[in-house]
């Protein structure tokens, strides 16, 4: 009967996922969290103006989130976004990147529609495994390190320049080991005091 045809449900995973991805960023339906921080210039999702630095990012909301995250992968980083929002965007783009890698391992096709929105359809095996928490966290850590590397390098250079330290010190294995040990210690490390360097630690050595 014709009624059966009208009540049938399309069980094609590819069609369903592509529709959901397209409608999420369709004009007039800005459900992606990135749109809370940017303005659609032309109404087609291709150019986004940053609410914080007023920079216009071409390539859609996907690249705009990289702009806020400061990953330098798809756009110049925003210089005015708060640390809280930046960290949130790092988490979001890292999760998206990890999910993309998972889909590729499962032989899933990644595509992009005319509006620059990510779509994906299944090729072959039609199952999707959930991304592991550990894998996502690893991706987040990699992106945070990449975005922060230039700032750390600049601070190291400033110490050399303002203290008249010979540039050859950077080649000293002891300097490299110092950086490694500080990294292992983690956030909150406080360097030794003037007295410790001048007396206590010097006497030990």
N, C-alpha and C. Protein backbone atom coordinates (compact mmCIF):
# COMPACT_ATOMS: atom_id res chain seq x y z
N UNK A 1 0.84 -1.20 0.00
CA UNK A 1 0.00 0.00 0.00
C UNK A 1 0.87 1.25 0.00
N UNK A 2 0.29 2.36 -0.46
CA UNK A 2 1.05 3.61 -0.49
C UNK A 2 1.38 4.10 0.89
N UNK A 3 0.54 3.71 1.88
CA UNK A 3 0.77 4.14 3.26
C UNK A 3 2.06 3.58 3.80
N UNK A 4 2.40 2.35 3.39
CA UNK A 4 3.66 1.75 3.87
C UNK A 4 4.86 2.53 3.38
N UNK A 5 4.77 3.02 2.13
CA UNK A 5 5.89 3.78 1.58
C UNK A 5 6.08 5.08 2.29
N UNK A 6 4.98 5.74 2.66
CA UNK A 6 5.08 7.04 3.32
C UNK A 6 5.59 6.92 4.73
N UNK A 7 5.39 5.73 5.37
CA UNK A 7 5.80 5.56 6.76
C UNK A 7 7.16 4.89 6.88
N UNK A 8 7.79 4.56 5.74
CA UNK A 8 9.08 3.87 5.80
C UNK A 8 10.16 4.81 6.30
N UNK A 9 11.16 4.24 6.94
CA UNK A 9 12.25 5.02 7.50
C UNK A 9 13.53 4.69 6.77
N UNK A 10 14.24 5.71 6.35
CA UNK A 10 15.51 5.51 5.66
C UNK A 10 16.56 5.09 6.67
N UNK A 11 17.06 3.88 6.55
CA UNK A 11 18.04 3.35 7.51
C UNK A 11 19.46 3.47 7.00
N UNK A 12 19.64 4.19 5.90
CA UNK A 12 20.97 4.36 5.35
C UNK A 12 21.79 5.27 6.24
N UNK A 13 22.84 4.76 6.93
CA UNK A 13 23.62 5.59 7.86
C UNK A 13 24.25 6.77 7.17
N UNK A 14 24.70 6.58 5.93
CA UNK A 14 25.38 7.66 5.22
C UNK A 14 24.46 8.82 5.00
N UNK A 15 23.21 8.53 4.55
CA UNK A 15 22.26 9.60 4.28
C UNK A 15 21.89 10.32 5.55
N UNK A 16 21.71 9.56 6.63
CA UNK A 16 21.31 10.17 7.90
C UNK A 16 22.39 11.07 8.45
N UNK A 17 23.65 10.59 8.43
CA UNK A 17 24.74 11.37 8.99
C UNK A 17 25.01 12.60 8.15
N UNK A 18 24.92 12.47 6.84
CA UNK A 18 25.16 13.61 5.96
C UNK A 18 24.10 14.66 6.17
N UNK A 19 22.85 14.25 6.35
CA UNK A 19 21.77 15.20 6.56
C UNK A 19 21.96 15.95 7.87
N UNK A 20 22.33 15.20 8.92
CA UNK A 20 22.51 15.84 10.22
C UNK A 20 23.65 16.85 10.19
N UNK A 21 24.75 16.49 9.52
CA UNK A 21 25.89 17.39 9.45
C UNK A 21 25.54 18.63 8.65
N UNK A 22 24.77 18.47 7.57
CA UNK A 22 24.43 19.60 6.72
C UNK A 22 23.47 20.54 7.44
N UNK A 23 22.43 19.96 8.09
CA UNK A 23 21.42 20.80 8.73
C UNK A 23 21.97 21.54 9.93
N UNK A 24 23.00 20.98 10.57
CA UNK A 24 23.57 21.61 11.76
C UNK A 24 24.12 22.99 11.46
N UNK A 25 24.71 23.16 10.28
CA UNK A 25 25.33 24.42 9.92
C UNK A 25 24.62 25.13 8.77
N UNK A 26 23.40 24.67 8.46
CA UNK A 26 22.65 25.29 7.38
C UNK A 26 22.29 26.72 7.74
N UNK A 27 22.18 27.62 6.74
CA UNK A 27 21.81 29.01 7.03
C UNK A 27 20.51 29.08 7.82
N UNK A 28 20.51 29.85 8.89
CA UNK A 28 19.33 29.98 9.73
C UNK A 28 19.28 28.96 10.85
N UNK A 29 20.19 27.98 10.86
CA UNK A 29 20.21 26.98 11.90
C UNK A 29 21.64 26.80 12.39
N UNK A 30 22.12 27.75 13.17
CA UNK A 30 23.51 27.75 13.61
C UNK A 30 23.63 27.10 14.99
N UNK A 31 23.59 25.77 15.01
CA UNK A 31 23.67 25.07 16.29
C UNK A 31 25.11 24.78 16.72
N UNK A 32 26.07 24.90 15.79
CA UNK A 32 27.47 24.67 16.14
C UNK A 32 27.91 25.74 17.15
N UNK A 33 28.62 25.31 18.19
CA UNK A 33 29.03 26.22 19.26
C UNK A 33 29.91 27.36 18.75
N UNK A 34 30.58 27.13 17.62
CA UNK A 34 31.45 28.18 17.08
C UNK A 34 30.70 29.45 16.73
N UNK A 35 29.41 29.31 16.37
CA UNK A 35 28.64 30.49 15.97
C UNK A 35 28.31 31.41 17.14
N UNK A 36 28.55 30.96 18.35
CA UNK A 36 28.36 31.83 19.51
C UNK A 36 29.48 32.87 19.62
N UNK A 37 30.55 32.64 18.87
CA UNK A 37 31.73 33.49 18.99
C UNK A 37 32.09 34.20 17.69
N UNK A 38 31.25 34.03 16.67
CA UNK A 38 31.53 34.67 15.39
C UNK A 38 30.26 35.02 14.65
N UNK A 39 30.40 35.87 13.64
CA UNK A 39 29.26 36.35 12.85
C UNK A 39 29.41 35.92 11.39
N UNK A 40 28.35 35.38 10.83
CA UNK A 40 28.35 34.94 9.44
C UNK A 40 28.24 36.16 8.52
N UNK A 41 29.30 36.47 7.81
CA UNK A 41 29.36 37.68 6.99
C UNK A 41 28.36 37.66 5.83
N UNK A 42 28.38 36.59 5.06
CA UNK A 42 27.57 36.54 3.84
C UNK A 42 26.30 35.70 3.98
N UNK A 43 26.11 35.09 5.13
CA UNK A 43 24.91 34.29 5.34
C UNK A 43 24.99 32.89 4.78
N UNK A 44 26.15 32.50 4.24
CA UNK A 44 26.30 31.16 3.68
C UNK A 44 27.28 30.29 4.46
N UNK A 45 27.78 30.83 5.58
CA UNK A 45 28.67 30.05 6.43
C UNK A 45 30.11 30.00 5.99
N UNK A 46 30.46 30.67 4.91
CA UNK A 46 31.82 30.58 4.37
C UNK A 46 32.80 31.55 5.03
N UNK A 47 32.33 32.72 5.41
CA UNK A 47 33.20 33.71 6.04
C UNK A 47 32.64 34.09 7.40
N UNK A 48 33.49 33.96 8.42
CA UNK A 48 33.07 34.22 9.80
C UNK A 48 33.92 35.32 10.41
N UNK A 49 33.26 36.34 10.95
CA UNK A 49 33.96 37.44 11.61
C UNK A 49 34.05 37.17 13.10
N UNK A 50 35.25 37.19 13.63
CA UNK A 50 35.49 36.89 15.04
C UNK A 50 34.93 37.99 15.94
N UNK A 51 34.23 37.60 16.99
CA UNK A 51 33.67 38.56 17.94
C UNK A 51 34.72 39.23 18.81
N UNK A 52 35.93 38.65 18.84
CA UNK A 52 36.96 39.13 19.76
C UNK A 52 38.03 39.98 19.09
N UNK A 53 38.49 39.56 17.92
CA UNK A 53 39.55 40.30 17.25
C UNK A 53 39.10 40.92 15.93
N UNK A 54 37.83 40.65 15.55
CA UNK A 54 37.22 41.19 14.32
C UNK A 54 37.86 40.66 13.04
N UNK A 55 38.74 39.67 13.16
CA UNK A 55 39.34 39.07 11.96
C UNK A 55 38.29 38.24 11.23
N UNK A 56 38.30 38.30 9.89
CA UNK A 56 37.38 37.51 9.08
C UNK A 56 38.10 36.24 8.63
N UNK A 57 37.54 35.11 8.98
CA UNK A 57 38.13 33.81 8.68
C UNK A 57 37.34 33.16 7.55
N UNK A 58 38.01 32.83 6.47
CA UNK A 58 37.37 32.16 5.34
C UNK A 58 37.50 30.65 5.50
N UNK A 59 36.50 29.93 5.02
CA UNK A 59 36.56 28.48 5.06
C UNK A 59 35.53 27.84 5.96
N UNK A 60 34.64 28.64 6.54
CA UNK A 60 33.57 28.07 7.35
C UNK A 60 33.87 27.99 8.82
N UNK A 61 32.88 27.48 9.56
CA UNK A 61 32.96 27.45 11.02
C UNK A 61 34.05 26.49 11.51
N UNK A 62 34.38 25.47 10.71
CA UNK A 62 35.42 24.52 11.10
C UNK A 62 36.76 25.23 11.26
N UNK A 63 37.13 26.03 10.26
CA UNK A 63 38.39 26.77 10.35
C UNK A 63 38.32 27.86 11.40
N UNK A 64 37.14 28.44 11.59
CA UNK A 64 36.99 29.50 12.58
C UNK A 64 37.28 28.97 13.98
N UNK A 65 36.87 27.74 14.26
CA UNK A 65 37.13 27.16 15.57
C UNK A 65 38.63 26.94 15.78
N UNK A 66 39.34 26.64 14.70
CA UNK A 66 40.80 26.54 14.81
C UNK A 66 41.41 27.92 15.07
N UNK A 67 40.79 28.95 14.53
CA UNK A 67 41.23 30.33 14.79
C UNK A 67 41.13 30.64 16.28
N UNK A 68 40.03 30.26 16.91
CA UNK A 68 39.84 30.50 18.34
C UNK A 68 40.75 29.60 19.17
N UNK A 69 40.98 28.38 18.70
CA UNK A 69 41.82 27.44 19.45
C UNK A 69 43.30 27.78 19.34
N UNK A 70 43.66 28.54 18.28
CA UNK A 70 45.06 28.93 18.11
C UNK A 70 45.95 27.79 17.67
N UNK A 71 45.40 26.82 16.94
CA UNK A 71 46.20 25.67 16.52
C UNK A 71 47.13 25.98 15.36
N UNK A 72 46.84 27.05 14.61
CA UNK A 72 47.61 27.45 13.43
C UNK A 72 47.50 26.42 12.30
N UNK A 73 46.57 25.49 12.39
CA UNK A 73 46.43 24.47 11.35
C UNK A 73 45.64 25.00 10.16
N UNK A 74 44.62 25.79 10.41
CA UNK A 74 43.75 26.25 9.33
C UNK A 74 43.57 27.76 9.32
N UNK A 75 44.08 28.46 10.32
CA UNK A 75 43.87 29.89 10.40
C UNK A 75 44.84 30.52 11.39
N UNK A 76 45.06 31.82 11.24
CA UNK A 76 45.87 32.54 12.21
C UNK A 76 45.13 32.57 13.55
N UNK A 77 45.83 32.42 14.66
CA UNK A 77 45.17 32.39 15.97
C UNK A 77 44.60 33.75 16.38
N UNK A 78 43.54 33.70 17.17
CA UNK A 78 42.94 34.93 17.70
C UNK A 78 43.79 35.44 18.85
N UNK A 79 44.08 36.71 18.83
CA UNK A 79 44.94 37.31 19.86
C UNK A 79 44.14 37.85 21.04
N UNK A 80 42.80 37.85 20.93
CA UNK A 80 41.99 38.50 21.96
C UNK A 80 41.05 37.55 22.68
N UNK A 81 40.97 36.30 22.26
CA UNK A 81 40.06 35.36 22.89
C UNK A 81 40.56 35.00 24.29
N UNK A 82 39.62 34.76 25.20
CA UNK A 82 40.00 34.42 26.57
C UNK A 82 40.57 33.01 26.64
N UNK A 83 41.34 32.75 27.69
CA UNK A 83 41.93 31.43 27.85
C UNK A 83 40.89 30.34 28.01
N UNK A 84 39.78 30.67 28.67
CA UNK A 84 38.72 29.68 28.89
C UNK A 84 38.10 29.23 27.56
N UNK A 85 37.79 30.19 26.70
CA UNK A 85 37.19 29.85 25.41
C UNK A 85 38.21 29.16 24.52
N UNK A 86 39.46 29.61 24.57
CA UNK A 86 40.52 28.99 23.77
C UNK A 86 40.67 27.52 24.13
N UNK A 87 40.70 27.21 25.42
CA UNK A 87 40.84 25.83 25.86
C UNK A 87 39.64 24.99 25.45
N UNK A 88 38.45 25.60 25.50
CA UNK A 88 37.24 24.89 25.08
C UNK A 88 37.32 24.53 23.60
N UNK A 89 37.77 25.49 22.77
CA UNK A 89 37.88 25.24 21.34
C UNK A 89 38.96 24.22 21.03
N UNK A 90 40.05 24.23 21.79
CA UNK A 90 41.09 23.21 21.62
C UNK A 90 40.50 21.83 21.84
N UNK A 91 39.68 21.70 22.88
CA UNK A 91 39.04 20.42 23.19
C UNK A 91 38.10 20.00 22.05
N UNK A 92 37.34 20.96 21.53
CA UNK A 92 36.36 20.66 20.48
C UNK A 92 37.05 20.23 19.19
N UNK A 93 38.06 20.99 18.74
CA UNK A 93 38.72 20.64 17.48
C UNK A 93 39.54 19.36 17.64
N UNK A 94 40.04 19.11 18.84
CA UNK A 94 40.79 17.87 19.07
C UNK A 94 39.86 16.67 19.00
N UNK A 95 38.67 16.79 19.57
CA UNK A 95 37.70 15.70 19.51
C UNK A 95 37.28 15.44 18.07
N UNK A 96 37.10 16.52 17.29
CA UNK A 96 36.71 16.38 15.89
C UNK A 96 37.83 15.69 15.09
N UNK A 97 39.06 16.07 15.38
CA UNK A 97 40.21 15.48 14.69
C UNK A 97 40.32 14.00 15.02
N UNK A 98 40.15 13.67 16.30
CA UNK A 98 40.25 12.28 16.72
C UNK A 98 39.14 11.45 16.09
N UNK A 99 37.93 12.01 16.02
CA UNK A 99 36.80 11.31 15.41
C UNK A 99 37.05 11.07 13.93
N UNK A 100 37.67 12.04 13.26
CA UNK A 100 37.99 11.88 11.84
C UNK A 100 38.98 10.74 11.63
N UNK A 101 39.98 10.66 12.49
CA UNK A 101 40.96 9.57 12.39
C UNK A 101 40.30 8.22 12.62
N UNK A 102 39.35 8.17 13.55
CA UNK A 102 38.63 6.93 13.83
C UNK A 102 37.81 6.51 12.62
N UNK A 103 37.15 7.49 11.97
CA UNK A 103 36.33 7.17 10.81
C UNK A 103 37.19 6.65 9.66
N UNK A 104 38.36 7.26 9.49
CA UNK A 104 39.24 6.82 8.41
C UNK A 104 39.74 5.40 8.65
N UNK A 105 39.99 5.06 9.91
CA UNK A 105 40.42 3.70 10.23
C UNK A 105 39.31 2.70 9.93
N UNK A 106 38.06 3.16 10.03
CA UNK A 106 36.91 2.30 9.75
C UNK A 106 36.48 2.37 8.30
N UNK A 107 37.33 2.97 7.46
CA UNK A 107 37.08 3.05 6.02
C UNK A 107 35.83 3.89 5.73
N UNK A 108 35.75 5.07 6.37
CA UNK A 108 34.64 5.98 6.17
C UNK A 108 35.12 7.18 5.39
N UNK A 109 34.31 7.67 4.47
CA UNK A 109 34.68 8.77 3.59
C UNK A 109 34.38 10.10 4.26
N UNK A 110 35.35 11.01 4.29
CA UNK A 110 35.13 12.37 4.76
C UNK A 110 34.94 13.28 3.56
N UNK A 111 33.91 14.12 3.59
CA UNK A 111 33.65 15.04 2.50
C UNK A 111 33.29 16.40 3.08
N UNK A 112 33.18 17.39 2.19
CA UNK A 112 32.81 18.74 2.60
C UNK A 112 31.80 19.27 1.60
N UNK A 113 30.69 19.86 2.09
CA UNK A 113 29.68 20.36 1.18
C UNK A 113 30.06 21.75 0.67
N UNK A 114 29.18 22.37 -0.12
CA UNK A 114 29.49 23.66 -0.72
C UNK A 114 29.67 24.76 0.32
N UNK A 115 29.09 24.60 1.48
CA UNK A 115 29.22 25.60 2.53
C UNK A 115 30.42 25.39 3.42
N UNK A 116 31.26 24.41 3.09
CA UNK A 116 32.46 24.16 3.90
C UNK A 116 32.17 23.36 5.14
N UNK A 117 31.01 22.68 5.19
CA UNK A 117 30.63 21.91 6.37
C UNK A 117 31.02 20.45 6.19
N UNK A 118 31.54 19.86 7.23
CA UNK A 118 32.02 18.49 7.14
C UNK A 118 30.87 17.51 7.06
N UNK A 119 30.91 16.65 6.06
CA UNK A 119 29.95 15.57 5.89
C UNK A 119 30.74 14.27 5.87
N UNK A 120 30.08 13.17 6.16
CA UNK A 120 30.78 11.91 5.99
C UNK A 120 29.79 10.80 5.71
N UNK A 121 30.21 9.87 4.88
CA UNK A 121 29.38 8.74 4.53
C UNK A 121 30.17 7.46 4.66
N UNK A 122 29.47 6.34 4.82
CA UNK A 122 30.13 5.06 5.02
C UNK A 122 30.56 4.44 3.71
N UNK A 123 31.69 3.78 3.73
CA UNK A 123 32.17 3.02 2.57
C UNK A 123 32.54 1.63 3.07
N UNK A 124 31.79 0.66 2.65
CA UNK A 124 32.05 -0.69 3.11
C UNK A 124 31.39 -0.96 4.45
N UNK A 125 32.18 -1.32 5.44
CA UNK A 125 31.66 -1.70 6.75
C UNK A 125 30.92 -0.55 7.41
N UNK A 126 29.68 -0.80 7.88
CA UNK A 126 28.83 0.26 8.39
C UNK A 126 28.71 0.21 9.90
N UNK A 127 29.82 0.31 10.57
CA UNK A 127 29.83 0.37 12.03
C UNK A 127 30.77 1.48 12.45
N UNK A 128 30.44 2.14 13.55
CA UNK A 128 31.28 3.21 14.07
C UNK A 128 31.60 2.92 15.52
N UNK A 129 32.88 2.93 15.86
CA UNK A 129 33.29 2.73 17.25
C UNK A 129 33.45 4.08 17.93
N UNK A 130 33.10 4.16 19.19
CA UNK A 130 33.27 5.41 19.94
C UNK A 130 34.74 5.70 20.16
N UNK A 131 35.11 6.98 20.02
CA UNK A 131 36.49 7.36 20.25
C UNK A 131 36.83 7.17 21.72
N UNK A 132 37.98 6.60 21.99
CA UNK A 132 38.38 6.37 23.38
C UNK A 132 38.73 7.68 24.05
N UNK A 133 38.45 7.75 25.34
CA UNK A 133 38.73 8.96 26.10
C UNK A 133 40.22 9.28 26.11
N UNK A 134 41.02 8.23 26.21
CA UNK A 134 42.47 8.44 26.22
C UNK A 134 42.98 9.00 24.92
N UNK A 135 42.41 8.52 23.80
CA UNK A 135 42.83 9.01 22.49
C UNK A 135 42.49 10.46 22.29
N UNK A 136 41.31 10.87 22.72
CA UNK A 136 40.89 12.27 22.61
C UNK A 136 41.78 13.16 23.46
N UNK A 137 42.07 12.73 24.68
CA UNK A 137 42.91 13.52 25.57
C UNK A 137 44.30 13.69 25.00
N UNK A 138 44.81 12.63 24.36
CA UNK A 138 46.14 12.71 23.74
C UNK A 138 46.16 13.74 22.62
N UNK A 139 45.07 13.77 21.82
CA UNK A 139 44.97 14.74 20.73
C UNK A 139 44.88 16.15 21.28
N UNK A 140 44.11 16.33 22.36
CA UNK A 140 43.98 17.64 23.00
C UNK A 140 45.34 18.13 23.49
N UNK A 141 46.08 17.24 24.15
CA UNK A 141 47.39 17.61 24.67
C UNK A 141 48.34 18.02 23.54
N UNK A 142 48.29 17.31 22.42
CA UNK A 142 49.15 17.63 21.28
C UNK A 142 48.83 19.01 20.73
N UNK A 143 47.53 19.33 20.63
CA UNK A 143 47.13 20.63 20.09
C UNK A 143 47.48 21.77 21.05
N UNK A 144 47.32 21.51 22.35
CA UNK A 144 47.65 22.54 23.33
C UNK A 144 49.15 22.83 23.31
N UNK A 145 49.96 21.78 23.19
CA UNK A 145 51.40 21.96 23.14
C UNK A 145 51.81 22.71 21.90
N UNK A 146 51.18 22.36 20.76
CA UNK A 146 51.52 23.00 19.50
C UNK A 146 51.18 24.49 19.54
N UNK A 147 50.02 24.82 20.10
CA UNK A 147 49.61 26.22 20.16
C UNK A 147 50.42 27.04 21.14
N UNK A 148 51.01 26.38 22.15
CA UNK A 148 51.74 27.07 23.22
C UNK A 148 53.24 27.11 22.96
N UNK A 149 53.72 26.35 21.97
CA UNK A 149 55.15 26.20 21.73
C UNK A 149 55.83 27.54 21.44
N UNK A 150 55.23 28.37 20.60
CA UNK A 150 55.85 29.64 20.24
C UNK A 150 55.97 30.56 21.44
N UNK A 151 54.99 30.55 22.32
CA UNK A 151 55.04 31.39 23.52
C UNK A 151 56.16 30.94 24.45
N UNK A 152 56.31 29.63 24.61
CA UNK A 152 57.38 29.10 25.46
C UNK A 152 58.75 29.43 24.87
N UNK A 153 58.89 29.24 23.56
CA UNK A 153 60.16 29.56 22.90
C UNK A 153 60.52 31.03 23.08
N UNK A 154 59.52 31.90 22.96
CA UNK A 154 59.76 33.34 23.10
C UNK A 154 60.22 33.68 24.51
N UNK A 155 59.66 32.97 25.50
CA UNK A 155 60.05 33.24 26.89
C UNK A 155 61.47 32.76 27.16
N UNK A 156 61.83 31.61 26.59
CA UNK A 156 63.20 31.11 26.74
C UNK A 156 64.18 32.09 26.11
N UNK A 157 63.84 32.57 24.91
CA UNK A 157 64.71 33.53 24.22
C UNK A 157 64.86 34.82 25.03
N UNK A 158 63.76 35.27 25.66
CA UNK A 158 63.82 36.51 26.45
C UNK A 158 64.80 36.39 27.61
N UNK A 159 64.82 35.22 28.23
CA UNK A 159 65.77 34.99 29.34
C UNK A 159 67.20 35.11 28.83
N UNK A 160 67.46 34.53 27.68
CA UNK A 160 68.81 34.61 27.09
C UNK A 160 69.18 36.07 26.79
N UNK A 161 68.26 36.80 26.16
CA UNK A 161 68.56 38.16 25.72
C UNK A 161 68.72 39.13 26.89
N UNK A 162 67.85 39.01 27.88
CA UNK A 162 67.88 39.97 28.99
C UNK A 162 68.93 39.65 30.04
N UNK A 163 69.49 38.45 29.99
CA UNK A 163 70.51 38.05 30.96
C UNK A 163 71.90 37.94 30.33
N UNK A 164 71.98 38.29 29.04
CA UNK A 164 73.26 38.22 28.31
C UNK A 164 73.87 36.83 28.39
N UNK A 165 73.00 35.81 28.27
CA UNK A 165 73.48 34.43 28.28
C UNK A 165 74.02 34.07 26.89
N UNK A 166 75.17 33.43 26.86
CA UNK A 166 75.77 33.06 25.58
C UNK A 166 74.85 32.08 24.85
N UNK A 167 74.69 32.29 23.55
CA UNK A 167 73.77 31.46 22.77
C UNK A 167 74.17 29.99 22.75
N UNK A 168 75.44 29.69 22.94
CA UNK A 168 75.91 28.30 22.94
C UNK A 168 75.32 27.49 24.10
N UNK A 169 74.81 28.18 25.10
CA UNK A 169 74.19 27.49 26.24
C UNK A 169 73.03 26.62 25.78
N UNK A 170 72.35 27.05 24.71
CA UNK A 170 71.20 26.30 24.22
C UNK A 170 71.60 24.91 23.74
N UNK A 171 72.91 24.73 23.44
CA UNK A 171 73.42 23.43 22.99
C UNK A 171 73.91 22.58 24.14
N UNK A 172 73.93 23.12 25.32
CA UNK A 172 74.42 22.40 26.50
C UNK A 172 73.43 21.30 26.88
N UNK A 173 73.87 20.05 26.94
CA UNK A 173 72.98 18.95 27.33
C UNK A 173 72.32 19.17 28.68
N UNK A 174 73.00 19.88 29.57
CA UNK A 174 72.44 20.15 30.89
C UNK A 174 71.23 21.07 30.78
N UNK A 175 71.25 22.00 29.80
CA UNK A 175 70.11 22.89 29.59
C UNK A 175 68.91 22.10 29.08
N UNK A 176 69.16 21.19 28.13
CA UNK A 176 68.08 20.35 27.60
C UNK A 176 67.49 19.47 28.69
N UNK A 177 68.35 18.93 29.56
CA UNK A 177 67.88 18.10 30.65
C UNK A 177 67.06 18.92 31.64
N UNK A 178 67.48 20.16 31.90
CA UNK A 178 66.74 21.05 32.78
C UNK A 178 65.31 21.26 32.26
N UNK A 179 65.19 21.54 30.96
CA UNK A 179 63.86 21.75 30.37
C UNK A 179 63.01 20.50 30.50
N UNK A 180 63.63 19.34 30.28
CA UNK A 180 62.90 18.07 30.37
C UNK A 180 62.39 17.83 31.79
N UNK A 181 63.23 18.11 32.77
CA UNK A 181 62.84 17.87 34.17
C UNK A 181 61.77 18.85 34.63
N UNK A 182 61.84 20.09 34.16
CA UNK A 182 60.79 21.07 34.48
C UNK A 182 59.46 20.60 33.89
N UNK A 183 59.52 20.06 32.65
CA UNK A 183 58.30 19.55 32.03
C UNK A 183 57.71 18.38 32.80
N UNK A 184 58.56 17.50 33.32
CA UNK A 184 58.08 16.37 34.10
C UNK A 184 57.47 16.82 35.43
N UNK A 185 58.06 17.86 36.01
CA UNK A 185 57.52 18.38 37.26
C UNK A 185 56.12 18.91 37.06
N UNK A 186 55.91 19.63 35.94
CA UNK A 186 54.57 20.13 35.62
C UNK A 186 54.30 21.52 36.14
N UNK A 187 53.01 21.88 36.09
CA UNK A 187 52.58 23.22 36.50
C UNK A 187 52.88 23.44 37.99
N UNK A 188 53.34 24.63 38.31
CA UNK A 188 53.58 24.97 39.71
C UNK A 188 55.04 24.94 40.13
N UNK A 189 55.93 24.56 39.22
CA UNK A 189 57.35 24.53 39.57
C UNK A 189 57.86 25.94 39.85
N UNK A 190 58.59 26.07 40.94
CA UNK A 190 59.21 27.35 41.30
C UNK A 190 60.73 27.18 41.26
N UNK A 191 61.43 28.01 40.52
CA UNK A 191 62.88 27.87 40.41
C UNK A 191 63.56 28.16 41.75
N UNK A 192 64.78 27.72 41.91
CA UNK A 192 65.50 27.99 43.16
C UNK A 192 65.72 29.48 43.36
N UNK A 193 65.87 29.86 44.61
CA UNK A 193 66.06 31.28 44.94
C UNK A 193 67.49 31.73 44.63
N UNK A 194 67.68 33.04 44.75
CA UNK A 194 69.02 33.61 44.54
C UNK A 194 70.02 32.98 45.51
N UNK A 195 69.60 32.82 46.75
CA UNK A 195 70.46 32.20 47.77
C UNK A 195 70.77 30.76 47.41
N UNK A 196 69.73 30.01 46.95
CA UNK A 196 69.94 28.60 46.60
C UNK A 196 70.99 28.46 45.50
N UNK A 197 70.90 29.30 44.49
CA UNK A 197 71.84 29.23 43.37
C UNK A 197 73.24 29.65 43.80
N UNK A 198 73.31 30.72 44.61
CA UNK A 198 74.60 31.32 44.97
C UNK A 198 75.33 30.55 46.07
N UNK A 199 74.56 29.89 46.95
CA UNK A 199 75.18 29.22 48.09
C UNK A 199 74.86 27.72 48.18
N UNK A 200 73.62 27.44 48.48
CA UNK A 200 73.19 26.08 48.79
C UNK A 200 73.50 25.07 47.67
N UNK A 201 72.99 25.33 46.49
CA UNK A 201 73.17 24.40 45.38
C UNK A 201 74.61 24.40 44.87
N UNK A 202 75.25 25.56 44.94
CA UNK A 202 76.64 25.65 44.49
C UNK A 202 77.55 24.81 45.39
N UNK A 203 77.29 24.86 46.68
CA UNK A 203 78.09 24.06 47.62
C UNK A 203 77.88 22.57 47.40
N UNK A 204 76.65 22.18 47.06
CA UNK A 204 76.38 20.76 46.81
C UNK A 204 77.15 20.24 45.60
N UNK A 205 77.29 21.11 44.61
CA UNK A 205 78.00 20.70 43.39
C UNK A 205 79.51 20.80 43.55
